[in-house]
Amino acid sequence: MERNSDTESIVHAGAESGIDYTGKKIGMWLFLFTELLFFGGMFLLYSVYRAQYPAEFHAGAQEENLLLGSINTTVLLTSSFTIALAIAAIRRGSRTLSMYMQLMTILFGICFLIIKYFEWSAKISNGIYPDSQLLLDMGKGDILFFSLYFVMTGIHGIHVLIGVVAISIMLVYTWRGAVSKNSFIRLENTGLYWHFVDIVWIYLFPLFYLVT
């Protein structure tokens, strides 16, 4: 009952300030649904090829840096916590705390991208990258594994970058007062996007680092 009361008060406050809270939230969920279909197609493609080449996919996973992958997983999980704290803080009217948590989330996102850069650089320096001669000389299963790795982690990395930019914009909005206790739907929707990006990585991590 208390949660329903909170939701009703948010919608009522949004209506008074001219903000369509429900409409914006539904719009964000519809956008995330299209993203789910997009990544779902890639996960399905991965599943098909993994079933055809299980040994090659297992061998390819042994080439991944499990330590860096685990660190990146921890980083993103922590960033989900900080963005949730940022939203909770702004809803309570704690603007300074919200800004601090948003900044922490941004830094975690940048940290993730830096670690991923080093992972990619190590592979490229070893001659493993799309259309490289070394990769083309491998078997079909190996080519498919590393091709999917670069495509799927690359697209995910772009989504992380977009999320970092979006949260940076929200940080500026919060500092200027455009995002506040009575107008936080933009930050909340940005947080939903960030959680989605984190969830995608939760699936990517075992697919490319823990293949058995």
N, C-alpha and C. Protein backbone atom coordinates (compact mmCIF):
# COMPACT_ATOMS: atom_id res chain seq x y z
N MET A 1 0.82 -1.20 0.00
CA MET A 1 0.00 0.00 0.00
C MET A 1 0.86 1.26 0.00
N GLU A 2 1.95 1.23 0.76
CA GLU A 2 2.82 2.40 0.85
C GLU A 2 3.49 2.66 -0.49
N ARG A 3 3.91 1.58 -1.20
CA ARG A 3 4.56 1.74 -2.49
C ARG A 3 3.58 2.32 -3.50
N ASN A 4 2.33 1.85 -3.49
CA ASN A 4 1.33 2.38 -4.40
C ASN A 4 1.07 3.85 -4.12
N SER A 5 1.07 4.21 -2.83
CA SER A 5 0.86 5.60 -2.44
C SER A 5 2.00 6.47 -2.95
N ASP A 6 3.25 5.97 -2.87
CA ASP A 6 4.39 6.72 -3.37
C ASP A 6 4.28 6.93 -4.87
N THR A 7 3.87 5.88 -5.59
CA THR A 7 3.74 5.98 -7.05
C THR A 7 2.68 7.00 -7.42
N GLU A 8 1.55 6.96 -6.69
CA GLU A 8 0.48 7.91 -6.97
C GLU A 8 0.91 9.33 -6.72
N SER A 9 1.70 9.55 -5.66
CA SER A 9 2.17 10.90 -5.35
C SER A 9 3.14 11.40 -6.40
N ILE A 10 3.97 10.48 -6.95
CA ILE A 10 4.91 10.85 -8.00
C ILE A 10 4.16 11.26 -9.25
N VAL A 11 3.17 10.45 -9.64
CA VAL A 11 2.37 10.76 -10.83
C VAL A 11 1.63 12.07 -10.65
N HIS A 12 1.08 12.29 -9.44
CA HIS A 12 0.34 13.52 -9.16
C HIS A 12 1.26 14.74 -9.23
N ALA A 13 2.47 14.59 -8.65
CA ALA A 13 3.43 15.70 -8.68
C ALA A 13 3.87 15.99 -10.10
N GLY A 14 4.03 14.93 -10.88
CA GLY A 14 4.42 15.11 -12.27
C GLY A 14 3.35 15.82 -13.05
N ALA A 15 2.08 15.49 -12.79
CA ALA A 15 0.97 16.14 -13.49
C ALA A 15 0.92 17.62 -13.17
N GLU A 16 1.18 17.96 -11.90
CA GLU A 16 1.16 19.36 -11.49
C GLU A 16 2.27 20.16 -12.16
N SER A 17 3.41 19.53 -12.40
CA SER A 17 4.54 20.23 -13.01
C SER A 17 4.56 20.07 -14.53
N GLY A 18 3.52 19.45 -15.10
CA GLY A 18 3.44 19.30 -16.55
C GLY A 18 4.26 18.15 -17.09
N ILE A 19 4.65 17.21 -16.25
CA ILE A 19 5.47 16.08 -16.66
C ILE A 19 4.60 14.82 -16.75
N ASP A 20 4.63 14.17 -17.89
CA ASP A 20 3.89 12.92 -18.08
C ASP A 20 4.77 11.78 -17.59
N TYR A 21 4.73 11.52 -16.28
CA TYR A 21 5.60 10.52 -15.68
C TYR A 21 5.34 9.14 -16.26
N THR A 22 4.06 8.75 -16.31
CA THR A 22 3.71 7.42 -16.80
C THR A 22 4.09 7.25 -18.26
N GLY A 23 3.80 8.25 -19.07
CA GLY A 23 4.10 8.18 -20.50
C GLY A 23 5.59 8.05 -20.76
N LYS A 24 6.39 8.83 -20.04
CA LYS A 24 7.84 8.77 -20.22
C LYS A 24 8.40 7.43 -19.77
N LYS A 25 7.84 6.89 -18.70
CA LYS A 25 8.31 5.60 -18.20
C LYS A 25 7.96 4.48 -19.19
N ILE A 26 6.74 4.52 -19.73
CA ILE A 26 6.34 3.51 -20.71
C ILE A 26 7.20 3.62 -21.96
N GLY A 27 7.48 4.85 -22.38
CA GLY A 27 8.33 5.06 -23.56
C GLY A 27 9.71 4.47 -23.37
N MET A 28 10.27 4.61 -22.16
CA MET A 28 11.59 4.06 -21.88
C MET A 28 11.56 2.54 -21.90
N TRP A 29 10.50 1.96 -21.33
CA TRP A 29 10.40 0.50 -21.32
C TRP A 29 10.25 -0.05 -22.74
N LEU A 30 9.52 0.68 -23.60
CA LEU A 30 9.38 0.25 -24.99
C LEU A 30 10.73 0.30 -25.71
N PHE A 31 11.51 1.35 -25.42
CA PHE A 31 12.85 1.46 -26.01
C PHE A 31 13.73 0.30 -25.56
N LEU A 32 13.68 -0.01 -24.27
CA LEU A 32 14.50 -1.11 -23.75
C LEU A 32 14.05 -2.45 -24.33
N PHE A 33 12.75 -2.56 -24.64
CA PHE A 33 12.26 -3.79 -25.26
C PHE A 33 12.88 -3.98 -26.64
N THR A 34 13.01 -2.89 -27.42
CA THR A 34 13.64 -2.99 -28.74
C THR A 34 15.12 -3.35 -28.59
N GLU A 35 15.76 -2.83 -27.55
CA GLU A 35 17.15 -3.18 -27.28
C GLU A 35 17.27 -4.66 -26.90
N LEU A 36 16.29 -5.14 -26.15
CA LEU A 36 16.27 -6.55 -25.76
C LEU A 36 16.16 -7.45 -26.98
N LEU A 37 15.33 -7.06 -27.93
CA LEU A 37 15.19 -7.83 -29.17
C LEU A 37 16.50 -7.83 -29.95
N PHE A 38 17.17 -6.68 -29.96
CA PHE A 38 18.44 -6.56 -30.68
C PHE A 38 19.50 -7.48 -30.10
N PHE A 39 19.72 -7.38 -28.79
CA PHE A 39 20.72 -8.23 -28.15
C PHE A 39 20.26 -9.69 -28.13
N GLY A 40 18.95 -9.91 -28.01
CA GLY A 40 18.44 -11.26 -28.01
C GLY A 40 18.77 -11.99 -29.30
N GLY A 41 18.72 -11.27 -30.42
CA GLY A 41 19.08 -11.87 -31.70
C GLY A 41 20.53 -12.32 -31.73
N MET A 42 21.40 -11.50 -31.15
CA MET A 42 22.82 -11.86 -31.11
C MET A 42 23.07 -13.04 -30.17
N PHE A 43 22.36 -13.05 -29.04
CA PHE A 43 22.50 -14.19 -28.12
C PHE A 43 22.02 -15.48 -28.78
N LEU A 44 20.95 -15.39 -29.57
CA LEU A 44 20.44 -16.56 -30.27
C LEU A 44 21.47 -17.05 -31.29
N LEU A 45 22.08 -16.11 -32.01
CA LEU A 45 23.10 -16.47 -32.99
C LEU A 45 24.28 -17.14 -32.31
N TYR A 46 24.69 -16.60 -31.15
CA TYR A 46 25.78 -17.20 -30.38
C TYR A 46 25.42 -18.64 -29.99
N SER A 47 24.20 -18.84 -29.52
CA SER A 47 23.78 -20.17 -29.07
C SER A 47 23.82 -21.19 -30.20
N VAL A 48 23.40 -20.77 -31.39
CA VAL A 48 23.40 -21.67 -32.54
C VAL A 48 24.82 -22.10 -32.89
N TYR A 49 25.73 -21.14 -32.98
CA TYR A 49 27.11 -21.46 -33.35
C TYR A 49 27.84 -22.20 -32.24
N ARG A 50 27.52 -21.90 -31.00
CA ARG A 50 28.17 -22.62 -29.90
C ARG A 50 27.76 -24.09 -29.91
N ALA A 51 26.50 -24.35 -30.25
CA ALA A 51 26.03 -25.74 -30.33
C ALA A 51 26.73 -26.49 -31.45
N GLN A 52 27.12 -25.77 -32.51
CA GLN A 52 27.79 -26.41 -33.65
C GLN A 52 29.28 -26.62 -33.40
N TYR A 53 29.89 -25.69 -32.62
CA TYR A 53 31.33 -25.75 -32.39
C TYR A 53 31.65 -25.62 -30.89
N PRO A 54 31.19 -26.56 -30.07
CA PRO A 54 31.41 -26.45 -28.62
C PRO A 54 32.88 -26.48 -28.22
N ALA A 55 33.67 -27.33 -28.87
CA ALA A 55 35.09 -27.44 -28.51
C ALA A 55 35.84 -26.16 -28.84
N GLU A 56 35.56 -25.57 -30.02
CA GLU A 56 36.25 -24.36 -30.43
C GLU A 56 35.87 -23.17 -29.54
N PHE A 57 34.60 -23.10 -29.14
CA PHE A 57 34.16 -22.01 -28.26
C PHE A 57 34.78 -22.15 -26.88
N HIS A 58 34.91 -23.39 -26.42
CA HIS A 58 35.56 -23.62 -25.13
C HIS A 58 37.03 -23.21 -25.20
N ALA A 59 37.70 -23.58 -26.28
CA ALA A 59 39.11 -23.22 -26.44
C ALA A 59 39.28 -21.71 -26.56
N GLY A 60 38.34 -21.06 -27.25
CA GLY A 60 38.42 -19.61 -27.40
C GLY A 60 38.27 -18.90 -26.07
N ALA A 61 37.40 -19.43 -25.21
CA ALA A 61 37.19 -18.82 -23.90
C ALA A 61 38.45 -18.89 -23.04
N GLN A 62 39.28 -19.90 -23.27
CA GLN A 62 40.52 -20.03 -22.51
C GLN A 62 41.50 -18.91 -22.83
N GLU A 63 41.30 -18.27 -23.98
CA GLU A 63 42.18 -17.17 -24.38
C GLU A 63 41.76 -15.84 -23.75
N GLU A 64 40.57 -15.81 -23.14
CA GLU A 64 40.09 -14.57 -22.53
C GLU A 64 40.76 -14.35 -21.18
N ASN A 65 40.86 -13.08 -20.80
CA ASN A 65 41.46 -12.72 -19.51
C ASN A 65 40.36 -12.75 -18.45
N LEU A 66 40.28 -13.86 -17.72
CA LEU A 66 39.22 -14.04 -16.74
C LEU A 66 39.31 -13.01 -15.62
N LEU A 67 40.51 -12.63 -15.24
CA LEU A 67 40.68 -11.65 -14.16
C LEU A 67 40.09 -10.30 -14.56
N LEU A 68 40.46 -9.82 -15.74
CA LEU A 68 39.93 -8.53 -16.19
C LEU A 68 38.42 -8.59 -16.40
N GLY A 69 37.95 -9.71 -16.92
CA GLY A 69 36.51 -9.86 -17.10
C GLY A 69 35.77 -9.84 -15.78
N SER A 70 36.35 -10.48 -14.76
CA SER A 70 35.73 -10.50 -13.43
C SER A 70 35.74 -9.11 -12.81
N ILE A 71 36.84 -8.39 -12.98
CA ILE A 71 36.92 -7.03 -12.46
C ILE A 71 35.87 -6.15 -13.12
N ASN A 72 35.73 -6.27 -14.44
CA ASN A 72 34.73 -5.48 -15.15
C ASN A 72 33.32 -5.81 -14.70
N THR A 73 33.07 -7.08 -14.40
CA THR A 73 31.76 -7.48 -13.90
C THR A 73 31.48 -6.82 -12.55
N THR A 74 32.47 -6.82 -11.68
CA THR A 74 32.33 -6.17 -10.37
C THR A 74 32.11 -4.68 -10.53
N VAL A 75 32.83 -4.07 -11.46
CA VAL A 75 32.71 -2.64 -11.70
C VAL A 75 31.29 -2.28 -12.13
N LEU A 76 30.74 -3.03 -13.09
CA LEU A 76 29.41 -2.71 -13.57
C LEU A 76 28.34 -2.98 -12.52
N LEU A 77 28.48 -4.07 -11.76
CA LEU A 77 27.52 -4.34 -10.69
C LEU A 77 27.53 -3.23 -9.65
N THR A 78 28.71 -2.73 -9.33
CA THR A 78 28.82 -1.63 -8.37
C THR A 78 28.21 -0.36 -8.95
N SER A 79 28.39 -0.14 -10.25
CA SER A 79 27.83 1.06 -10.89
C SER A 79 26.30 1.02 -10.88
N SER A 80 25.71 -0.16 -10.96
CA SER A 80 24.25 -0.27 -10.85
C SER A 80 23.79 0.16 -9.47
N PHE A 81 24.59 -0.18 -8.47
CA PHE A 81 24.26 0.21 -7.09
C PHE A 81 24.35 1.73 -6.92
N THR A 82 25.40 2.34 -7.48
CA THR A 82 25.58 3.78 -7.31
C THR A 82 24.51 4.59 -8.06
N ILE A 83 24.10 4.13 -9.24
CA ILE A 83 23.06 4.88 -9.95
C ILE A 83 21.72 4.73 -9.24
N ALA A 84 21.49 3.57 -8.62
CA ALA A 84 20.26 3.38 -7.84
C ALA A 84 20.27 4.31 -6.62
N LEU A 85 21.43 4.47 -6.00
CA LEU A 85 21.55 5.39 -4.87
C LEU A 85 21.34 6.83 -5.32
N ALA A 86 21.82 7.16 -6.52
CA ALA A 86 21.65 8.51 -7.06
C ALA A 86 20.17 8.85 -7.24
N ILE A 87 19.41 7.88 -7.76
CA ILE A 87 17.98 8.09 -7.97
C ILE A 87 17.26 8.20 -6.63
N ALA A 88 17.60 7.31 -5.70
CA ALA A 88 16.97 7.35 -4.38
C ALA A 88 17.26 8.67 -3.67
N ALA A 89 18.49 9.16 -3.84
CA ALA A 89 18.88 10.41 -3.18
C ALA A 89 18.11 11.60 -3.73
N ILE A 90 17.97 11.68 -5.06
CA ILE A 90 17.27 12.83 -5.64
C ILE A 90 15.79 12.79 -5.29
N ARG A 91 15.23 11.59 -5.14
CA ARG A 91 13.83 11.47 -4.76
C ARG A 91 13.61 11.95 -3.33
N ARG A 92 14.65 11.87 -2.51
CA ARG A 92 14.56 12.38 -1.14
C ARG A 92 14.95 13.84 -1.06
N GLY A 93 15.38 14.40 -2.17
CA GLY A 93 15.78 15.80 -2.18
C GLY A 93 17.24 16.03 -1.87
N SER A 94 18.04 14.95 -1.80
CA SER A 94 19.48 15.09 -1.50
C SER A 94 20.26 15.27 -2.80
N ARG A 95 20.29 16.48 -3.30
CA ARG A 95 20.91 16.74 -4.60
C ARG A 95 22.40 16.47 -4.60
N THR A 96 23.10 16.91 -3.55
CA THR A 96 24.55 16.72 -3.49
C THR A 96 24.92 15.24 -3.50
N LEU A 97 24.24 14.44 -2.71
CA LEU A 97 24.51 13.00 -2.67
C LEU A 97 24.21 12.37 -4.02
N SER A 98 23.12 12.79 -4.65
CA SER A 98 22.76 12.26 -5.96
C SER A 98 23.84 12.57 -6.98
N MET A 99 24.35 13.80 -6.97
CA MET A 99 25.41 14.18 -7.90
C MET A 99 26.67 13.36 -7.66
N TYR A 100 26.98 13.12 -6.41
CA TYR A 100 28.17 12.33 -6.08
C TYR A 100 28.03 10.91 -6.59
N MET A 101 26.85 10.32 -6.41
CA MET A 101 26.61 8.95 -6.87
C MET A 101 26.60 8.88 -8.40
N GLN A 102 26.07 9.90 -9.05
CA GLN A 102 26.11 9.93 -10.51
C GLN A 102 27.55 10.00 -11.01
N LEU A 103 28.36 10.82 -10.34
CA LEU A 103 29.77 10.94 -10.71
C LEU A 103 30.49 9.60 -10.52
N MET A 104 30.19 8.91 -9.44
CA MET A 104 30.79 7.60 -9.20
C MET A 104 30.40 6.62 -10.30
N THR A 105 29.15 6.66 -10.71
CA THR A 105 28.69 5.78 -11.79
C THR A 105 29.43 6.07 -13.08
N ILE A 106 29.62 7.35 -13.39
CA ILE A 106 30.37 7.74 -14.58
C ILE A 106 31.79 7.20 -14.53
N LEU A 107 32.43 7.33 -13.38
CA LEU A 107 33.80 6.86 -13.23
C LEU A 107 33.89 5.34 -13.37
N PHE A 108 32.90 4.63 -12.84
CA PHE A 108 32.87 3.18 -13.00
C PHE A 108 32.71 2.80 -14.47
N GLY A 109 31.86 3.54 -15.18
CA GLY A 109 31.67 3.28 -16.61
C GLY A 109 32.95 3.50 -17.39
N ILE A 110 33.66 4.58 -17.08
CA ILE A 110 34.93 4.87 -17.75
C ILE A 110 35.95 3.79 -17.42
N CYS A 111 35.96 3.35 -16.17
CA CYS A 111 36.87 2.27 -15.75
C CYS A 111 36.61 1.01 -16.56
N PHE A 112 35.33 0.68 -16.75
CA PHE A 112 34.97 -0.49 -17.54
C PHE A 112 35.53 -0.38 -18.96
N LEU A 113 35.36 0.79 -19.57
CA LEU A 113 35.82 0.98 -20.94
C LEU A 113 37.34 0.92 -21.04
N ILE A 114 38.04 1.43 -20.04
CA ILE A 114 39.50 1.39 -20.04
C ILE A 114 39.99 -0.06 -19.97
N ILE A 115 39.37 -0.84 -19.08
CA ILE A 115 39.75 -2.25 -18.96
C ILE A 115 39.47 -2.99 -20.25
N LYS A 116 38.32 -2.70 -20.87
CA LYS A 116 37.98 -3.35 -22.13
C LYS A 116 38.96 -2.94 -23.23
N TYR A 117 39.45 -1.71 -23.17
CA TYR A 117 40.44 -1.24 -24.14
C TYR A 117 41.72 -2.08 -24.03
N PHE A 118 42.16 -2.33 -22.81
CA PHE A 118 43.36 -3.13 -22.62
C PHE A 118 43.14 -4.57 -23.08
N GLU A 119 41.95 -5.11 -22.86
CA GLU A 119 41.64 -6.46 -23.33
C GLU A 119 41.71 -6.53 -24.85
N TRP A 120 41.07 -5.59 -25.50
CA TRP A 120 41.07 -5.56 -26.96
C TRP A 120 42.49 -5.35 -27.49
N SER A 121 43.23 -4.45 -26.86
CA SER A 121 44.60 -4.15 -27.31
C SER A 121 45.48 -5.39 -27.25
N ALA A 122 45.32 -6.18 -26.19
CA ALA A 122 46.12 -7.40 -26.04
C ALA A 122 45.82 -8.37 -27.18
N LYS A 123 44.56 -8.51 -27.54
CA LYS A 123 44.20 -9.41 -28.64
C LYS A 123 44.73 -8.89 -29.97
N ILE A 124 44.56 -7.61 -30.19
CA ILE A 124 45.01 -7.02 -31.46
C ILE A 124 46.52 -7.12 -31.60
N SER A 125 47.25 -6.90 -30.49
CA SER A 125 48.71 -7.01 -30.54
C SER A 125 49.16 -8.44 -30.81
N ASN A 126 48.31 -9.40 -30.46
CA ASN A 126 48.61 -10.81 -30.74
C ASN A 126 48.12 -11.25 -32.11
N GLY A 127 47.57 -10.30 -32.86
CA GLY A 127 47.13 -10.60 -34.22
C GLY A 127 45.72 -11.15 -34.34
N ILE A 128 44.96 -11.09 -33.24
CA ILE A 128 43.59 -11.59 -33.28
C ILE A 128 42.63 -10.40 -33.33
N TYR A 129 42.09 -10.16 -34.49
CA TYR A 129 41.08 -9.12 -34.70
C TYR A 129 40.36 -9.43 -36.00
N PRO A 130 39.18 -8.87 -36.23
CA PRO A 130 38.40 -9.21 -37.43
C PRO A 130 39.21 -9.07 -38.71
N ASP A 131 39.16 -10.10 -39.53
CA ASP A 131 39.83 -10.15 -40.84
C ASP A 131 41.35 -10.20 -40.76
N SER A 132 41.90 -10.43 -39.56
CA SER A 132 43.35 -10.58 -39.47
C SER A 132 43.76 -11.93 -40.07
N GLN A 133 44.98 -12.00 -40.58
CA GLN A 133 45.44 -13.23 -41.22
C GLN A 133 45.50 -14.38 -40.22
N LEU A 134 45.93 -14.06 -38.98
CA LEU A 134 46.01 -15.10 -37.96
C LEU A 134 44.64 -15.69 -37.67
N LEU A 135 43.63 -14.82 -37.58
CA LEU A 135 42.28 -15.29 -37.30
C LEU A 135 41.72 -16.08 -38.48
N LEU A 136 42.00 -15.61 -39.69
CA LEU A 136 41.49 -16.30 -40.88
C LEU A 136 42.12 -17.67 -41.07
N ASP A 137 43.32 -17.85 -40.51
CA ASP A 137 43.99 -19.16 -40.61
C ASP A 137 43.45 -20.17 -39.61
N MET A 138 42.64 -19.71 -38.67
CA MET A 138 42.07 -20.62 -37.67
C MET A 138 40.88 -21.36 -38.26
N GLY A 139 40.34 -22.28 -37.46
CA GLY A 139 39.17 -23.02 -37.89
C GLY A 139 37.93 -22.15 -37.88
N LYS A 140 36.87 -22.64 -38.49
CA LYS A 140 35.64 -21.85 -38.59
C LYS A 140 35.05 -21.55 -37.21
N GLY A 141 35.10 -22.52 -36.31
CA GLY A 141 34.57 -22.31 -34.98
C GLY A 141 35.31 -21.22 -34.23
N ASP A 142 36.64 -21.20 -34.35
CA ASP A 142 37.45 -20.17 -33.70
C ASP A 142 37.14 -18.79 -34.29
N ILE A 143 37.01 -18.74 -35.62
CA ILE A 143 36.69 -17.48 -36.28
C ILE A 143 35.36 -16.94 -35.79
N LEU A 144 34.37 -17.83 -35.67
CA LEU A 144 33.05 -17.41 -35.22
C LEU A 144 33.09 -16.92 -33.78
N PHE A 145 33.84 -17.62 -32.92
CA PHE A 145 33.90 -17.22 -31.51
C PHE A 145 34.48 -15.81 -31.37
N PHE A 146 35.64 -15.58 -31.97
CA PHE A 146 36.29 -14.28 -31.81
C PHE A 146 35.54 -13.18 -32.55
N SER A 147 34.91 -13.51 -33.66
CA SER A 147 34.11 -12.51 -34.38
C SER A 147 32.92 -12.08 -33.53
N LEU A 148 32.26 -13.06 -32.92
CA LEU A 148 31.14 -12.73 -32.04
C LEU A 148 31.62 -11.95 -30.82
N TYR A 149 32.81 -12.30 -30.33
CA TYR A 149 33.36 -11.59 -29.17
C TYR A 149 33.54 -10.11 -29.50
N PHE A 150 34.17 -9.82 -30.61
CA PHE A 150 34.43 -8.42 -30.96
C PHE A 150 33.13 -7.67 -31.25
N VAL A 151 32.21 -8.31 -31.95
CA VAL A 151 30.96 -7.64 -32.30
C VAL A 151 30.10 -7.39 -31.06
N MET A 152 29.89 -8.42 -30.26
CA MET A 152 28.98 -8.30 -29.13
C MET A 152 29.55 -7.44 -28.01
N THR A 153 30.82 -7.62 -27.67
CA THR A 153 31.41 -6.76 -26.63
C THR A 153 31.63 -5.35 -27.15
N GLY A 154 31.86 -5.23 -28.47
CA GLY A 154 32.03 -3.90 -29.05
C GLY A 154 30.74 -3.11 -29.01
N ILE A 155 29.63 -3.74 -29.40
CA ILE A 155 28.33 -3.07 -29.36
C ILE A 155 27.95 -2.75 -27.92
N HIS A 156 28.25 -3.68 -27.01
CA HIS A 156 27.97 -3.42 -25.60
C HIS A 156 28.81 -2.25 -25.11
N GLY A 157 30.07 -2.18 -25.53
CA GLY A 157 30.93 -1.07 -25.13
C GLY A 157 30.39 0.27 -25.61
N ILE A 158 29.82 0.29 -26.82
CA ILE A 158 29.20 1.52 -27.33
C ILE A 158 28.02 1.92 -26.45
N HIS A 159 27.25 0.93 -26.02
CA HIS A 159 26.12 1.22 -25.13
C HIS A 159 26.61 1.76 -23.79
N VAL A 160 27.72 1.23 -23.29
CA VAL A 160 28.28 1.76 -22.04
C VAL A 160 28.71 3.21 -22.23
N LEU A 161 29.35 3.51 -23.36
CA LEU A 161 29.78 4.88 -23.65
C LEU A 161 28.58 5.82 -23.72
N ILE A 162 27.52 5.37 -24.38
CA ILE A 162 26.30 6.19 -24.47
C ILE A 162 25.74 6.43 -23.07
N GLY A 163 25.77 5.38 -22.23
CA GLY A 163 25.29 5.52 -20.87
C GLY A 163 26.11 6.52 -20.06
N VAL A 164 27.43 6.48 -20.24
CA VAL A 164 28.30 7.43 -19.54
C VAL A 164 27.97 8.86 -19.95
N VAL A 165 27.77 9.07 -21.25
CA VAL A 165 27.42 10.41 -21.73
C VAL A 165 26.07 10.84 -21.18
N ALA A 166 25.09 9.92 -21.19
CA ALA A 166 23.75 10.24 -20.70
C ALA A 166 23.77 10.60 -19.21
N ILE A 167 24.51 9.85 -18.42
CA ILE A 167 24.59 10.14 -16.98
C ILE A 167 25.33 11.46 -16.74
N SER A 168 26.32 11.75 -17.59
CA SER A 168 27.03 13.03 -17.48
C SER A 168 26.08 14.19 -17.73
N ILE A 169 25.19 14.02 -18.70
CA ILE A 169 24.19 15.06 -18.97
C ILE A 169 23.24 15.20 -17.77
N MET A 170 22.85 14.06 -17.19
CA MET A 170 21.98 14.10 -16.01
C MET A 170 22.67 14.79 -14.84
N LEU A 171 23.97 14.59 -14.74
CA LEU A 171 24.74 15.25 -13.67
C LEU A 171 24.68 16.76 -13.83
N VAL A 172 24.82 17.23 -15.06
CA VAL A 172 24.72 18.67 -15.32
C VAL A 172 23.30 19.17 -15.02
N TYR A 173 22.30 18.40 -15.45
CA TYR A 173 20.91 18.77 -15.19
C TYR A 173 20.64 18.85 -13.69
N THR A 174 21.20 17.90 -12.94
CA THR A 174 21.01 17.90 -11.49
C THR A 174 21.67 19.12 -10.87
N TRP A 175 22.86 19.44 -11.34
CA TRP A 175 23.58 20.61 -10.82
C TRP A 175 22.81 21.90 -11.10
N ARG A 176 22.15 21.97 -12.26
CA ARG A 176 21.40 23.17 -12.63
C ARG A 176 19.99 23.18 -12.03
N GLY A 177 19.56 22.07 -11.45
CA GLY A 177 18.24 22.01 -10.84
C GLY A 177 17.16 21.49 -11.76
N ALA A 178 17.52 21.15 -13.01
CA ALA A 178 16.52 20.61 -13.94
C ALA A 178 16.07 19.22 -13.51
N VAL A 179 16.97 18.48 -12.87
CA VAL A 179 16.62 17.20 -12.24
C VAL A 179 16.56 17.45 -10.74
N SER A 180 15.40 17.21 -10.16
CA SER A 180 15.21 17.53 -8.75
C SER A 180 14.24 16.54 -8.11
N LYS A 181 13.87 16.80 -6.87
CA LYS A 181 12.95 15.93 -6.15
C LYS A 181 11.61 15.84 -6.85
N ASN A 182 11.20 16.91 -7.48
CA ASN A 182 9.90 16.95 -8.15
C ASN A 182 9.99 16.69 -9.65
N SER A 183 11.20 16.47 -10.15
CA SER A 183 11.37 16.24 -11.59
C SER A 183 12.61 15.37 -11.81
N PHE A 184 12.43 14.07 -11.61
CA PHE A 184 13.57 13.15 -11.69
C PHE A 184 13.38 12.04 -12.71
N ILE A 185 12.33 12.12 -13.55
CA ILE A 185 12.03 11.05 -14.47
C ILE A 185 13.18 10.81 -15.46
N ARG A 186 13.87 11.88 -15.88
CA ARG A 186 14.97 11.71 -16.82
C ARG A 186 16.12 10.91 -16.20
N LEU A 187 16.42 11.21 -14.96
CA LEU A 187 17.47 10.45 -14.27
C LEU A 187 17.02 9.01 -14.04
N GLU A 188 15.76 8.82 -13.70
CA GLU A 188 15.25 7.48 -13.46
C GLU A 188 15.29 6.64 -14.74
N ASN A 189 14.91 7.23 -15.87
CA ASN A 189 14.97 6.52 -17.15
C ASN A 189 16.41 6.22 -17.56
N THR A 190 17.30 7.16 -17.29
CA THR A 190 18.72 6.93 -17.57
C THR A 190 19.24 5.77 -16.72
N GLY A 191 18.78 5.71 -15.47
CA GLY A 191 19.16 4.61 -14.60
C GLY A 191 18.65 3.27 -15.12
N LEU A 192 17.44 3.26 -15.67
CA LEU A 192 16.90 2.02 -16.25
C LEU A 192 17.77 1.56 -17.42
N TYR A 193 18.18 2.51 -18.25
CA TYR A 193 19.06 2.17 -19.37
C TYR A 193 20.37 1.58 -18.85
N TRP A 194 20.92 2.19 -17.82
CA TRP A 194 22.20 1.72 -17.28
C TRP A 194 22.06 0.32 -16.68
N HIS A 195 20.96 0.06 -16.00
CA HIS A 195 20.72 -1.28 -15.47
C HIS A 195 20.63 -2.30 -16.60
N PHE A 196 20.00 -1.91 -17.69
CA PHE A 196 19.88 -2.82 -18.83
C PHE A 196 21.25 -3.16 -19.40
N VAL A 197 22.09 -2.14 -19.54
CA VAL A 197 23.45 -2.36 -20.05
C VAL A 197 24.22 -3.30 -19.13
N ASP A 198 24.03 -3.13 -17.84
CA ASP A 198 24.70 -4.01 -16.87
C ASP A 198 24.21 -5.44 -16.98
N ILE A 199 22.90 -5.61 -17.17
CA ILE A 199 22.32 -6.95 -17.29
C ILE A 199 22.86 -7.66 -18.53
N VAL A 200 23.00 -6.91 -19.63
CA VAL A 200 23.55 -7.51 -20.85
C VAL A 200 24.95 -8.05 -20.59
N TRP A 201 25.75 -7.31 -19.84
CA TRP A 201 27.11 -7.77 -19.55
C TRP A 201 27.08 -9.02 -18.67
N ILE A 202 26.11 -9.11 -17.77
CA ILE A 202 25.99 -10.29 -16.91
C ILE A 202 25.83 -11.55 -17.75
N TYR A 203 25.20 -11.40 -18.93
CA TYR A 203 25.07 -12.54 -19.84
C TYR A 203 26.31 -12.71 -20.71
N LEU A 204 26.92 -11.60 -21.12
CA LEU A 204 28.11 -11.69 -21.98
C LEU A 204 29.28 -12.32 -21.24
N PHE A 205 29.42 -12.01 -19.98
CA PHE A 205 30.57 -12.48 -19.21
C PHE A 205 30.68 -14.01 -19.21
N PRO A 206 29.65 -14.75 -18.82
CA PRO A 206 29.80 -16.22 -18.86
C PRO A 206 29.90 -16.79 -20.26
N LEU A 207 29.27 -16.12 -21.25
CA LEU A 207 29.30 -16.65 -22.60
C LEU A 207 30.71 -16.63 -23.20
N PHE A 208 31.49 -15.61 -22.85
CA PHE A 208 32.82 -15.48 -23.45
C PHE A 208 33.97 -15.79 -22.50
N TYR A 209 33.71 -15.81 -21.20
CA TYR A 209 34.80 -16.04 -20.25
C TYR A 209 34.67 -17.36 -19.49
N LEU A 210 33.45 -17.90 -19.43
CA LEU A 210 33.22 -19.09 -18.60
C LEU A 210 32.64 -20.23 -19.41
N VAL A 211 32.93 -20.28 -20.70
CA VAL A 211 32.39 -21.35 -21.56
C VAL A 211 32.98 -22.69 -21.13
N THR A 212 32.09 -23.66 -20.93
CA THR A 212 32.54 -25.00 -20.53
C THR A 212 32.23 -26.01 -21.62
